Amino acid sequence: ENDLEILTKYAEKIGLAFQIRDDILSEIGDEK
């Protein structure tokens, strides 16, 4: 259970980070 909690928090962080990076790439990424 403790590991599941830790991994859930980790996943929430990388999930939000993925979206933030996606928003950044939508602004300054390389279209190609």
Full PDB file with SEQRES, HELIX, SHEET, SSBOND, CRYST1, ORIGX, SCALE, CONECT and MASTER records, all heavy atoms in Angstrom:
SEQRES   1 A   32  GLU ASN ASP LEU GLU ILE LEU THR LYS TYR ALA GLU LYS          
SEQRES   2 A   32  ILE GLY LEU ALA PHE GLN ILE ARG ASP ASP ILE LEU SER          
SEQRES   3 A   32  GLU ILE GLY ASP GLU LYS                                      
HELIX    1 AA1 ASN A    2  ILE A   28  1                                  27    
CRYST1    1.000    1.000    1.000  90.00  90.00  90.00 P 1           1          
ORIGX1      1.000000  0.000000  0.000000        0.00000                         
ORIGX2      0.000000  1.000000  0.000000        0.00000                         
ORIGX3      0.000000  0.000000  1.000000        0.00000                         
SCALE1      1.000000  0.000000  0.000000        0.00000                         
SCALE2      0.000000  1.000000  0.000000        0.00000                         
SCALE3      0.000000  0.000000  1.000000        0.00000                         
ATOM      1  N   GLU A   1       0.819  -1.213   0.000  1.00  0.00           N  
ATOM      2  CA  GLU A   1       0.000   0.000   0.000  1.00  0.00           C  
ATOM      3  C   GLU A   1       0.858   1.270   0.000  1.00  0.00           C  
ATOM      4  O   GLU A   1       0.561   2.226  -0.726  1.00  0.00           O  
ATOM      5  CB  GLU A   1      -0.949   0.003   1.208  1.00  0.00           C  
ATOM      6  CG  GLU A   1      -1.978   1.095   1.164  1.00  0.00           C  
ATOM      7  CD  GLU A   1      -2.930   1.031  -0.028  1.00  0.00           C  
ATOM      8  OE1 GLU A   1      -3.288  -0.087  -0.466  1.00  0.00           O  
ATOM      9  OE2 GLU A   1      -3.315   2.108  -0.522  1.00  0.00           O  
ATOM     10  N   ASN A   2       1.921   1.292   0.791  1.00  0.00           N  
ATOM     11  CA  ASN A   2       2.808   2.447   0.843  1.00  0.00           C  
ATOM     12  C   ASN A   2       3.449   2.711  -0.516  1.00  0.00           C  
ATOM     13  O   ASN A   2       3.542   3.854  -0.964  1.00  0.00           O  
ATOM     14  CB  ASN A   2       3.881   2.244   1.918  1.00  0.00           C  
ATOM     15  CG  ASN A   2       4.775   3.451   2.056  1.00  0.00           C  
ATOM     16  OD1 ASN A   2       4.298   4.568   2.244  1.00  0.00           O  
ATOM     17  ND2 ASN A   2       6.082   3.235   1.940  1.00  0.00           N  
ATOM     18  N   ASP A   3       3.889   1.651  -1.183  1.00  0.00           N  
ATOM     19  CA  ASP A   3       4.486   1.809  -2.505  1.00  0.00           C  
ATOM     20  C   ASP A   3       3.453   2.291  -3.519  1.00  0.00           C  
ATOM     21  O   ASP A   3       3.760   3.124  -4.379  1.00  0.00           O  
ATOM     22  CB  ASP A   3       5.107   0.491  -2.985  1.00  0.00           C  
ATOM     23  CG  ASP A   3       6.344   0.117  -2.189  1.00  0.00           C  
ATOM     24  OD1 ASP A   3       7.149   1.021  -1.879  1.00  0.00           O  
ATOM     25  OD2 ASP A   3       6.500  -1.078  -1.874  1.00  0.00           O  
ATOM     26  N   LEU A   4       2.252   1.800  -3.405  1.00  0.00           N  
ATOM     27  CA  LEU A   4       1.188   2.225  -4.312  1.00  0.00           C  
ATOM     28  C   LEU A   4       0.911   3.721  -4.144  1.00  0.00           C  
ATOM     29  O   LEU A   4       0.724   4.436  -5.129  1.00  0.00           O  
ATOM     30  CB  LEU A   4      -0.075   1.400  -4.068  1.00  0.00           C  
ATOM     31  CG  LEU A   4      -1.198   1.575  -5.073  1.00  0.00           C  
ATOM     32  CD1 LEU A   4      -0.754   1.271  -6.500  1.00  0.00           C  
ATOM     33  CD2 LEU A   4      -2.371   0.685  -4.699  1.00  0.00           C  
ATOM     34  N   GLU A   5       0.929   4.199  -2.921  1.00  0.00           N  
ATOM     35  CA  GLU A   5       0.737   5.630  -2.666  1.00  0.00           C  
ATOM     36  C   GLU A   5       1.869   6.454  -3.272  1.00  0.00           C  
ATOM     37  O   GLU A   5       1.625   7.487  -3.903  1.00  0.00           O  
ATOM     38  CB  GLU A   5       0.648   5.896  -1.165  1.00  0.00           C  
ATOM     39  CG  GLU A   5      -0.654   5.452  -0.543  1.00  0.00           C  
ATOM     40  CD  GLU A   5      -0.683   5.687   0.969  1.00  0.00           C  
ATOM     41  OE1 GLU A   5      -0.044   6.649   1.441  1.00  0.00           O  
ATOM     42  OE2 GLU A   5      -1.347   4.899   1.654  1.00  0.00           O  
ATOM     43  N   ILE A   6       3.096   6.014  -3.064  1.00  0.00           N  
ATOM     44  CA  ILE A   6       4.256   6.722  -3.602  1.00  0.00           C  
ATOM     45  C   ILE A   6       4.200   6.747  -5.122  1.00  0.00           C  
ATOM     46  O   ILE A   6       4.401   7.800  -5.754  1.00  0.00           O  
ATOM     47  CB  ILE A   6       5.569   6.058  -3.121  1.00  0.00           C  
ATOM     48  CG1 ILE A   6       5.758   6.314  -1.634  1.00  0.00           C  
ATOM     49  CG2 ILE A   6       6.771   6.551  -3.928  1.00  0.00           C  
ATOM     50  CD1 ILE A   6       6.854   5.471  -0.985  1.00  0.00           C  
ATOM     51  N   LEU A   7       3.918   5.611  -5.726  1.00  0.00           N  
ATOM     52  CA  LEU A   7       3.881   5.527  -7.187  1.00  0.00           C  
ATOM     53  C   LEU A   7       2.711   6.319  -7.765  1.00  0.00           C  
ATOM     54  O   LEU A   7       2.825   6.887  -8.859  1.00  0.00           O  
ATOM     55  CB  LEU A   7       3.832   4.070  -7.626  1.00  0.00           C  
ATOM     56  CG  LEU A   7       5.113   3.286  -7.319  1.00  0.00           C  
ATOM     57  CD1 LEU A   7       4.900   1.796  -7.549  1.00  0.00           C  
ATOM     58  CD2 LEU A   7       6.283   3.806  -8.146  1.00  0.00           C  
ATOM     59  N   THR A   8       1.615   6.395  -7.032  1.00  0.00           N  
ATOM     60  CA  THR A   8       0.485   7.200  -7.486  1.00  0.00           C  
ATOM     61  C   THR A   8       0.860   8.680  -7.496  1.00  0.00           C  
ATOM     62  O   THR A   8       0.567   9.393  -8.468  1.00  0.00           O  
ATOM     63  CB  THR A   8      -0.749   6.953  -6.592  1.00  0.00           C  
ATOM     64  OG1 THR A   8      -1.122   5.579  -6.707  1.00  0.00           O  
ATOM     65  CG2 THR A   8      -1.916   7.842  -6.990  1.00  0.00           C  
ATOM     66  N   LYS A   9       1.507   9.145  -6.453  1.00  0.00           N  
ATOM     67  CA  LYS A   9       1.952  10.545  -6.402  1.00  0.00           C  
ATOM     68  C   LYS A   9       2.946  10.824  -7.523  1.00  0.00           C  
ATOM     69  O   LYS A   9       2.883  11.876  -8.173  1.00  0.00           O  
ATOM     70  CB  LYS A   9       2.556  10.868  -5.041  1.00  0.00           C  
ATOM     71  CG  LYS A   9       1.534  10.936  -3.938  1.00  0.00           C  
ATOM     72  CD  LYS A   9       2.181  11.168  -2.593  1.00  0.00           C  
ATOM     73  CE  LYS A   9       1.152  11.092  -1.480  1.00  0.00           C  
ATOM     74  NZ  LYS A   9       1.766  11.121  -0.155  1.00  0.00           N  
ATOM     75  N   TYR A  10       3.875   9.897  -7.741  1.00  0.00           N  
ATOM     76  CA  TYR A  10       4.836  10.022  -8.837  1.00  0.00           C  
ATOM     77  C   TYR A  10       4.095  10.150 -10.167  1.00  0.00           C  
ATOM     78  O   TYR A  10       4.374  11.041 -10.974  1.00  0.00           O  
ATOM     79  CB  TYR A  10       5.760   8.798  -8.851  1.00  0.00           C  
ATOM     80  CG  TYR A  10       6.495   8.588 -10.148  1.00  0.00           C  
ATOM     81  CD1 TYR A  10       7.667   9.275 -10.416  1.00  0.00           C  
ATOM     82  CD2 TYR A  10       6.008   7.697 -11.103  1.00  0.00           C  
ATOM     83  CE1 TYR A  10       8.342   9.081 -11.612  1.00  0.00           C  
ATOM     84  CE2 TYR A  10       6.674   7.493 -12.293  1.00  0.00           C  
ATOM     85  CZ  TYR A  10       7.845   8.194 -12.562  1.00  0.00           C  
ATOM     86  OH  TYR A  10       8.505   8.010 -13.747  1.00  0.00           O  
ATOM     87  N   ALA A  11       3.125   9.267 -10.396  1.00  0.00           N  
ATOM     88  CA  ALA A  11       2.382   9.249 -11.653  1.00  0.00           C  
ATOM     89  C   ALA A  11       1.584  10.545 -11.847  1.00  0.00           C  
ATOM     90  O   ALA A  11       1.496  11.055 -12.970  1.00  0.00           O  
ATOM     91  CB  ALA A  11       1.456   8.044 -11.696  1.00  0.00           C  
ATOM     92  N   GLU A  12       1.018  11.068 -10.788  1.00  0.00           N  
ATOM     93  CA  GLU A  12       0.282  12.331 -10.886  1.00  0.00           C  
ATOM     94  C   GLU A  12       1.212  13.454 -11.327  1.00  0.00           C  
ATOM     95  O   GLU A  12       0.843  14.295 -12.153  1.00  0.00           O  
ATOM     96  CB  GLU A  12      -0.378  12.665  -9.554  1.00  0.00           C  
ATOM     97  CG  GLU A  12      -1.544  11.758  -9.231  1.00  0.00           C  
ATOM     98  CD  GLU A  12      -2.052  11.888  -7.806  1.00  0.00           C  
ATOM     99  OE1 GLU A  12      -1.384  12.536  -6.964  1.00  0.00           O  
ATOM    100  OE2 GLU A  12      -3.132  11.322  -7.530  1.00  0.00           O  
ATOM    101  N   LYS A  13       2.417  13.459 -10.787  1.00  0.00           N  
ATOM    102  CA  LYS A  13       3.395  14.492 -11.142  1.00  0.00           C  
ATOM    103  C   LYS A  13       3.835  14.368 -12.599  1.00  0.00           C  
ATOM    104  O   LYS A  13       3.883  15.369 -13.318  1.00  0.00           O  
ATOM    105  CB  LYS A  13       4.616  14.433 -10.212  1.00  0.00           C  
ATOM    106  CG  LYS A  13       4.306  14.723  -8.764  1.00  0.00           C  
ATOM    107  CD  LYS A  13       3.873  16.153  -8.596  1.00  0.00           C  
ATOM    108  CE  LYS A  13       3.561  16.489  -7.158  1.00  0.00           C  
ATOM    109  NZ  LYS A  13       3.009  17.829  -7.032  1.00  0.00           N  
ATOM    110  N   ILE A  14       4.171  13.159 -13.039  1.00  0.00           N  
ATOM    111  CA  ILE A  14       4.629  13.039 -14.426  1.00  0.00           C  
ATOM    112  C   ILE A  14       3.465  13.224 -15.406  1.00  0.00           C  
ATOM    113  O   ILE A  14       3.674  13.685 -16.529  1.00  0.00           O  
ATOM    114  CB  ILE A  14       5.409  11.731 -14.719  1.00  0.00           C  
ATOM    115  CG1 ILE A  14       4.534  10.485 -14.576  1.00  0.00           C  
ATOM    116  CG2 ILE A  14       6.675  11.656 -13.880  1.00  0.00           C  
ATOM    117  CD1 ILE A  14       5.171   9.221 -15.129  1.00  0.00           C  
ATOM    118  N   GLY A  15       2.250  12.893 -14.973  1.00  0.00           N  
ATOM    119  CA  GLY A  15       1.088  13.124 -15.827  1.00  0.00           C  
ATOM    120  C   GLY A  15       0.864  14.602 -16.082  1.00  0.00           C  
ATOM    121  O   GLY A  15       0.649  15.028 -17.224  1.00  0.00           O  
ATOM    122  N   LEU A  16       0.945  15.396 -15.034  1.00  0.00           N  
ATOM    123  CA  LEU A  16       0.798  16.838 -15.195  1.00  0.00           C  
ATOM    124  C   LEU A  16       1.978  17.413 -15.968  1.00  0.00           C  
ATOM    125  O   LEU A  16       1.802  18.275 -16.842  1.00  0.00           O  
ATOM    126  CB  LEU A  16       0.654  17.518 -13.831  1.00  0.00           C  
ATOM    127  CG  LEU A  16       0.258  18.989 -13.864  1.00  0.00           C  
ATOM    128  CD1 LEU A  16      -1.040  19.210 -14.633  1.00  0.00           C  
ATOM    129  CD2 LEU A  16       0.140  19.527 -12.447  1.00  0.00           C  
ATOM    130  N   ALA A  17       3.169  16.912 -15.680  1.00  0.00           N  
ATOM    131  CA  ALA A  17       4.358  17.363 -16.404  1.00  0.00           C  
ATOM    132  C   ALA A  17       4.233  17.070 -17.902  1.00  0.00           C  
ATOM    133  O   ALA A  17       4.622  17.893 -18.734  1.00  0.00           O  
ATOM    134  CB  ALA A  17       5.610  16.694 -15.838  1.00  0.00           C  
ATOM    135  N   PHE A  18       3.684  15.914 -18.247  1.00  0.00           N  
ATOM    136  CA  PHE A  18       3.496  15.562 -19.654  1.00  0.00           C  
ATOM    137  C   PHE A  18       2.633  16.616 -20.345  1.00  0.00           C  
ATOM    138  O   PHE A  18       2.955  17.072 -21.442  1.00  0.00           O  
ATOM    139  CB  PHE A  18       2.846  14.182 -19.775  1.00  0.00           C  
ATOM    140  CG  PHE A  18       2.779  13.683 -21.191  1.00  0.00           C  
ATOM    141  CD1 PHE A  18       3.761  12.848 -21.676  1.00  0.00           C  
ATOM    142  CD2 PHE A  18       1.736  14.049 -22.023  1.00  0.00           C  
ATOM    143  CE1 PHE A  18       3.711  12.391 -22.993  1.00  0.00           C  
ATOM    144  CE2 PHE A  18       1.672  13.606 -23.332  1.00  0.00           C  
ATOM    145  CZ  PHE A  18       2.664  12.778 -23.823  1.00  0.00           C  
ATOM    146  N   GLN A  19       1.552  17.016 -19.693  1.00  0.00           N  
ATOM    147  CA  GLN A  19       0.657  18.005 -20.293  1.00  0.00           C  
ATOM    148  C   GLN A  19       1.315  19.374 -20.386  1.00  0.00           C  
ATOM    149  O   GLN A  19       1.154  20.068 -21.387  1.00  0.00           O  
ATOM    150  CB  GLN A  19      -0.642  18.107 -19.501  1.00  0.00           C  
ATOM    151  CG  GLN A  19      -1.653  19.013 -20.164  1.00  0.00           C  
ATOM    152  CD  GLN A  19      -2.040  18.549 -21.551  1.00  0.00           C  
ATOM    153  OE1 GLN A  19      -2.434  17.410 -21.729  1.00  0.00           O  
ATOM    154  NE2 GLN A  19      -1.913  19.412 -22.547  1.00  0.00           N  
ATOM    155  N   ILE A  20       2.040  19.768 -19.351  1.00  0.00           N  
ATOM    156  CA  ILE A  20       2.730  21.063 -19.396  1.00  0.00           C  
ATOM    157  C   ILE A  20       3.723  21.069 -20.549  1.00  0.00           C  
ATOM    158  O   ILE A  20       3.803  22.032 -21.314  1.00  0.00           O  
ATOM    159  CB  ILE A  20       3.425  21.376 -18.053  1.00  0.00           C  
ATOM    160  CG1 ILE A  20       2.383  21.545 -16.945  1.00  0.00           C  
ATOM    161  CG2 ILE A  20       4.286  22.633 -18.180  1.00  0.00           C  
ATOM    162  CD1 ILE A  20       2.968  21.596 -15.537  1.00  0.00           C  
ATOM    163  N   ARG A  21       4.484  19.974 -20.698  1.00  0.00           N  
ATOM    164  CA  ARG A  21       5.447  19.882 -21.803  1.00  0.00           C  
ATOM    165  C   ARG A  21       4.722  19.925 -23.146  1.00  0.00           C  
ATOM    166  O   ARG A  21       5.186  20.563 -24.086  1.00  0.00           O  
ATOM    167  CB  ARG A  21       6.296  18.611 -21.675  1.00  0.00           C  
ATOM    168  CG  ARG A  21       7.349  18.464 -22.746  1.00  0.00           C  
ATOM    169  CD  ARG A  21       8.376  19.570 -22.683  1.00  0.00           C  
ATOM    170  NE  ARG A  21       9.365  19.391 -23.730  1.00  0.00           N  
ATOM    171  CZ  ARG A  21      10.188  20.326 -24.139  1.00  0.00           C  
ATOM    172  NH1 ARG A  21      10.179  21.520 -23.550  1.00  0.00           N  
ATOM    173  NH2 ARG A  21      11.046  20.106 -25.094  1.00  0.00           N  
ATOM    174  N   ASP A  22       3.576  19.272 -23.221  1.00  0.00           N  
ATOM    175  CA  ASP A  22       2.793  19.292 -24.450  1.00  0.00           C  
ATOM    176  C   ASP A  22       2.378  20.722 -24.791  1.00  0.00           C  
ATOM    177  O   ASP A  22       2.455  21.143 -25.952  1.00  0.00           O  
ATOM    178  CB  ASP A  22       1.560  18.399 -24.289  1.00  0.00           C  
ATOM    179  CG  ASP A  22       0.963  18.007 -25.612  1.00  0.00           C  
ATOM    180  OD1 ASP A  22       1.678  17.397 -26.429  1.00  0.00           O  
ATOM    181  OD2 ASP A  22      -0.222  18.306 -25.846  1.00  0.00           O  
ATOM    182  N   ASP A  23       1.953  21.472 -23.791  1.00  0.00           N  
ATOM    183  CA  ASP A  23       1.572  22.867 -24.009  1.00  0.00           C  
ATOM    184  C   ASP A  23       2.765  23.705 -24.453  1.00  0.00           C  
ATOM    185  O   ASP A  23       2.629  24.576 -25.325  1.00  0.00           O  
ATOM    186  CB  ASP A  23       0.967  23.458 -22.733  1.00  0.00           C  
ATOM    187  CG  ASP A  23      -0.388  22.862 -22.378  1.00  0.00           C  
ATOM    188  OD1 ASP A  23      -0.951  22.097 -23.194  1.00  0.00           O  
ATOM    189  OD2 ASP A  23      -0.872  23.160 -21.266  1.00  0.00           O  
ATOM    190  N   ILE A  24       3.925  23.443 -23.878  1.00  0.00           N  
ATOM    191  CA  ILE A  24       5.141  24.161 -24.273  1.00  0.00           C  
ATOM    192  C   ILE A  24       5.493  23.825 -25.720  1.00  0.00           C  
ATOM    193  O   ILE A  24       5.791  24.714 -26.521  1.00  0.00           O  
ATOM    194  CB  ILE A  24       6.309  23.830 -23.319  1.00  0.00           C  
ATOM    195  CG1 ILE A  24       6.042  24.432 -21.937  1.00  0.00           C  
ATOM    196  CG2 ILE A  24       7.642  24.322 -23.882  1.00  0.00           C  
ATOM    197  CD1 ILE A  24       6.975  23.936 -20.839  1.00  0.00           C  
ATOM    198  N   LEU A  25       5.444  22.540 -26.054  1.00  0.00           N  
ATOM    199  CA  LEU A  25       5.766  22.138 -27.429  1.00  0.00           C  
ATOM    200  C   LEU A  25       4.768  22.713 -28.428  1.00  0.00           C  
ATOM    201  O   LEU A  25       5.146  23.048 -29.557  1.00  0.00           O  
ATOM    202  CB  LEU A  25       5.804  20.613 -27.537  1.00  0.00           C  
ATOM    203  CG  LEU A  25       6.989  19.936 -26.853  1.00  0.00           C  
ATOM    204  CD1 LEU A  25       6.814  18.418 -26.875  1.00  0.00           C  
ATOM    205  CD2 LEU A  25       8.302  20.340 -27.505  1.00  0.00           C  
ATOM    206  N   SER A  26       3.522  22.856 -28.019  1.00  0.00           N  
ATOM    207  CA  SER A  26       2.518  23.456 -28.904  1.00  0.00           C  
ATOM    208  C   SER A  26       2.817  24.923 -29.179  1.00  0.00           C  
ATOM    209  O   SER A  26       2.326  25.486 -30.149  1.00  0.00           O  
ATOM    210  CB  SER A  26       1.116  23.322 -28.300  1.00  0.00           C  
ATOM    211  OG  SER A  26       0.704  21.981 -28.340  1.00  0.00           O  
ATOM    212  N   GLU A  27       3.619  25.510 -28.325  1.00  0.00           N  
ATOM    213  CA  GLU A  27       4.000  26.913 -28.480  1.00  0.00           C  
ATOM    214  C   GLU A  27       5.327  27.083 -29.220  1.00  0.00           C  
ATOM    215  O   GLU A  27       5.448  27.949 -30.086  1.00  0.00           O  
ATOM    216  CB  GLU A  27       4.086  27.564 -27.093  1.00  0.00           C  
ATOM    217  CG  GLU A  27       4.425  29.028 -27.097  1.00  0.00           C  
ATOM    218  CD  GLU A  27       3.275  29.900 -27.580  1.00  0.00           C  
ATOM    219  OE1 GLU A  27       2.115  29.452 -27.581  1.00  0.00           O  
ATOM    220  OE2 GLU A  27       3.548  31.048 -27.971  1.00  0.00           O  
ATOM    221  N   ILE A  28       6.314  26.264 -28.883  1.00  0.00           N  
ATOM    222  CA  ILE A  28       7.664  26.497 -29.416  1.00  0.00           C  
ATOM    223  C   ILE A  28       8.300  25.269 -30.065  1.00  0.00           C  
ATOM    224  O   ILE A  28       9.472  25.289 -30.425  1.00  0.00           O  
ATOM    225  CB  ILE A  28       8.615  27.024 -28.319  1.00  0.00           C  
ATOM    226  CG1 ILE A  28       8.774  25.985 -27.205  1.00  0.00           C  
ATOM    227  CG2 ILE A  28       8.154  28.374 -27.799  1.00  0.00           C  
ATOM    228  CD1 ILE A  28       9.889  26.281 -26.234  1.00  0.00           C  
ATOM    229  N   GLY A  29       7.538  24.198 -30.222  1.00  0.00           N  
ATOM    230  CA  GLY A  29       8.098  22.972 -30.779  1.00  0.00           C  
ATOM    231  C   GLY A  29       8.383  23.081 -32.261  1.00  0.00           C  
ATOM    232  O   GLY A  29       8.047  24.065 -32.923  1.00  0.00           O  
ATOM    233  N   ASP A  30       8.993  22.060 -32.800  1.00  0.00           N  
ATOM    234  CA  ASP A  30       9.300  21.961 -34.221  1.00  0.00           C  
ATOM    235  C   ASP A  30       8.152  21.207 -34.894  1.00  0.00           C  
ATOM    236  O   ASP A  30       7.916  20.035 -34.602  1.00  0.00           O  
ATOM    237  CB  ASP A  30      10.624  21.208 -34.399  1.00  0.00           C  
ATOM    238  CG  ASP A  30      11.065  21.092 -35.833  1.00  0.00           C  
ATOM    239  OD1 ASP A  30      10.208  21.113 -36.750  1.00  0.00           O  
ATOM    240  OD2 ASP A  30      12.277  20.956 -36.059  1.00  0.00           O  
ATOM    241  N   GLU A  31       7.466  21.885 -35.794  1.00  0.00           N  
ATOM    242  CA  GLU A  31       6.305  21.282 -36.457  1.00  0.00           C  
ATOM    243  C   GLU A  31       6.652  19.971 -37.155  1.00  0.00           C  
ATOM    244  O   GLU A  31       5.853  19.034 -37.159  1.00  0.00           O  
ATOM    245  CB  GLU A  31       5.689  22.257 -37.464  1.00  0.00           C  
ATOM    246  CG  GLU A  31       4.950  23.387 -36.808  1.00  0.00           C  
ATOM    247  CD  GLU A  31       4.209  24.280 -37.786  1.00  0.00           C  
ATOM    248  OE1 GLU A  31       3.977  23.874 -38.944  1.00  0.00           O  
ATOM    249  OE2 GLU A  31       3.842  25.389 -37.379  1.00  0.00           O  
ATOM    250  N   LYS A  32       7.839  19.903 -37.730  1.00  0.00           N  
ATOM    251  CA  LYS A  32       8.252  18.684 -38.442  1.00  0.00           C  
ATOM    252  C   LYS A  32       8.415  17.519 -37.471  1.00  0.00           C  
ATOM    253  O   LYS A  32       8.092  16.387 -37.798  1.00  0.00           O  
ATOM    254  CB  LYS A  32       9.537  18.925 -39.216  1.00  0.00           C  
ATOM    255  CG  LYS A  32       9.354  19.854 -40.391  1.00  0.00           C  
ATOM    256  CD  LYS A  32      10.658  20.118 -41.106  1.00  0.00           C  
ATOM    257  CE  LYS A  32      10.416  21.123 -42.215  1.00  0.00           C  
ATOM    258  NZ  LYS A  32      11.635  21.615 -42.810  1.00  0.00           N  
TER     259      LYS A  32                                                      
MASTER        0    0    0    1    0    0    0    6  258    1    0    3          
END                                                                             
